[in-house]
Structures are given as structure tokens and as C-alpha cells.
Protein backbone atom coordinates (compact mmCIF):
# COMPACT_ATOMS: atom_id res chain seq x y z
CA MET A 1 33.58 -38.23 4.19
CA ARG A 2 35.51 -35.07 3.19
CA LYS A 3 35.41 -36.14 -0.44
CA ASN A 4 31.60 -36.38 -0.32
CA LEU A 5 31.35 -32.98 1.34
CA ARG A 6 33.33 -31.36 -1.49
CA PHE A 7 31.03 -33.01 -4.03
CA ILE A 8 27.94 -31.66 -2.26
CA LEU A 9 29.38 -28.14 -2.15
CA VAL A 10 30.07 -28.24 -5.90
CA ILE A 11 26.49 -29.34 -6.63
CA PHE A 12 25.04 -26.46 -4.61
CA ASP A 13 26.98 -23.95 -6.72
CA TYR A 14 24.89 -24.90 -9.75
CA ILE A 15 21.40 -25.14 -8.24
CA MET A 16 18.82 -22.54 -9.34
CA LYS A 17 17.88 -20.35 -6.37
CA VAL A 18 14.72 -18.34 -5.86
CA LYS A 19 13.94 -15.69 -3.25
CA VAL A 20 10.36 -15.12 -2.13
CA TYR A 21 9.31 -12.04 -0.15
CA VAL A 22 5.89 -12.15 1.56
CA THR A 23 4.40 -8.95 3.00
CA LEU A 24 1.06 -7.90 4.40
CA LYS A 25 -1.18 -6.10 1.93
CA PRO A 26 -1.56 -2.34 2.43
CA GLY A 27 -4.41 -1.67 4.85
CA VAL A 28 -4.00 -4.96 6.74
CA LEU A 29 -3.24 -4.29 10.40
CA ASP A 30 0.28 -5.27 11.45
CA PRO A 31 0.47 -5.57 15.24
CA GLN A 32 3.97 -7.10 15.11
CA GLY A 33 5.20 -4.19 12.99
CA LYS A 34 3.64 -1.73 15.45
CA ALA A 35 5.36 -3.50 18.38
CA ILE A 36 8.72 -3.36 16.57
CA HIS A 37 8.14 0.32 15.76
CA HIS A 38 7.37 1.07 19.41
CA SER A 39 10.48 -0.82 20.59
CA ALA A 40 12.66 1.04 18.09
CA GLU A 41 11.29 4.36 19.37
CA LEU A 42 12.05 3.33 22.97
CA LEU A 43 15.63 2.66 21.86
CA GLY A 44 15.92 6.22 20.56
CA PHE A 45 15.15 5.80 16.86
CA GLU A 46 13.00 8.88 16.37
CA LYS A 47 12.69 9.28 12.61
CA ILE A 48 10.85 6.04 11.79
CA ALA A 49 7.47 6.71 10.19
CA ASP A 50 6.31 3.06 10.03
CA ILE A 51 7.56 -0.52 10.22
CA ARG A 52 5.84 -3.46 8.50
CA GLN A 53 7.00 -7.01 9.10
CA GLY A 54 7.15 -9.77 6.49
CA LYS A 55 8.66 -13.14 5.65
CA TYR A 56 11.61 -14.09 3.46
CA PHE A 57 12.26 -17.52 1.91
CA GLU A 58 15.08 -18.99 -0.18
CA ILE A 59 14.20 -21.97 -2.34
CA ALA A 60 16.86 -24.11 -4.06
CA LEU A 61 15.64 -25.93 -7.17
CA ALA A 62 17.25 -28.79 -9.08
CA GLU A 63 20.18 -27.83 -11.29
CA ASN A 64 18.35 -28.76 -14.50
CA THR A 65 15.53 -26.26 -13.80
CA SER A 66 15.16 -23.52 -16.40
CA GLU A 67 14.58 -19.92 -15.35
CA ALA A 68 10.98 -20.08 -16.64
CA GLU A 69 10.32 -23.29 -14.68
CA ALA A 70 11.90 -21.80 -11.57
CA LYS A 71 9.70 -18.70 -11.81
CA GLU A 72 6.55 -20.78 -12.38
CA THR A 73 7.36 -23.19 -9.54
CA ALA A 74 8.22 -20.42 -7.09
CA GLU A 75 5.06 -18.47 -7.97
CA LYS A 76 2.94 -21.57 -7.30
CA ILE A 77 4.72 -22.35 -4.01
CA ALA A 78 4.37 -18.72 -2.89
CA LYS A 79 0.68 -18.61 -3.78
CA ASP A 80 -0.29 -22.06 -2.44
CA VAL A 81 2.01 -22.47 0.57
CA LEU A 82 4.00 -19.42 1.67
CA ALA A 83 1.47 -16.59 1.47
CA ASN A 84 -2.14 -16.13 2.46
CA PRO A 85 -3.44 -14.37 -0.66
CA VAL A 86 -6.33 -12.81 1.26
CA ILE A 87 -4.04 -10.67 3.44
CA GLU A 88 -0.54 -11.03 1.95
CA ASP A 89 1.29 -10.11 -1.25
CA TYR A 90 4.41 -11.90 -2.49
CA ARG A 91 7.29 -11.18 -4.83
CA VAL A 92 9.49 -13.80 -6.49
CA GLU A 93 13.10 -13.12 -7.49
CA ILE A 94 15.27 -15.56 -9.49
CA VAL A 95 18.93 -15.74 -8.40
CA ASN A 96 21.47 -17.34 -10.75
């Protein structure tokens, strides 16, 4: 079992990783961000002008994925699955 675990850890070192950040578009109301802002103020944080909440995803792709393929795949996943393009923006970042 330990031998298999080491093998799995080595494989994960070489997998292409992608980060996806999803945020509400400017002008879209953010009640969760407002609630967090209010809570932060109650805790004594006085210099906060605004807080907007979002989502963060890490996607691991197969080791034989090129950077161009990773970017294209992540963009499609972000657009079709992770974000609602009507009210959310997304940003994709490739991590080697």
C-alpha cells in the first residue's frame, strides 16, 4: 500500500494545474459580501470600503495536457459549469 501511495504522489507532481476565480460582475448585488462586510465592521475592522465574495477552483488535468489545451479546457469548464455568465465573470490561471 505504501508503495502505491508514493507512486500516486509522484504522478500528482507532474499534472497540469489550473486555477479558476469566479466573481460577481460589477453592479450585481452581493448580499453575502454585504453580510461579511457588516460582520467585519462589528469585529472592529473600520477601514473596509467594500467586500465582494467569489468562488475559487483548482482543476488538475492529465499530465500530457499542453498549456494551450489546459487553458482552452479550463475556459470551457469555467464558462459552461463554474460561472453563470449572466451575473459572473471568471479568470483562468495556468499553474505549472
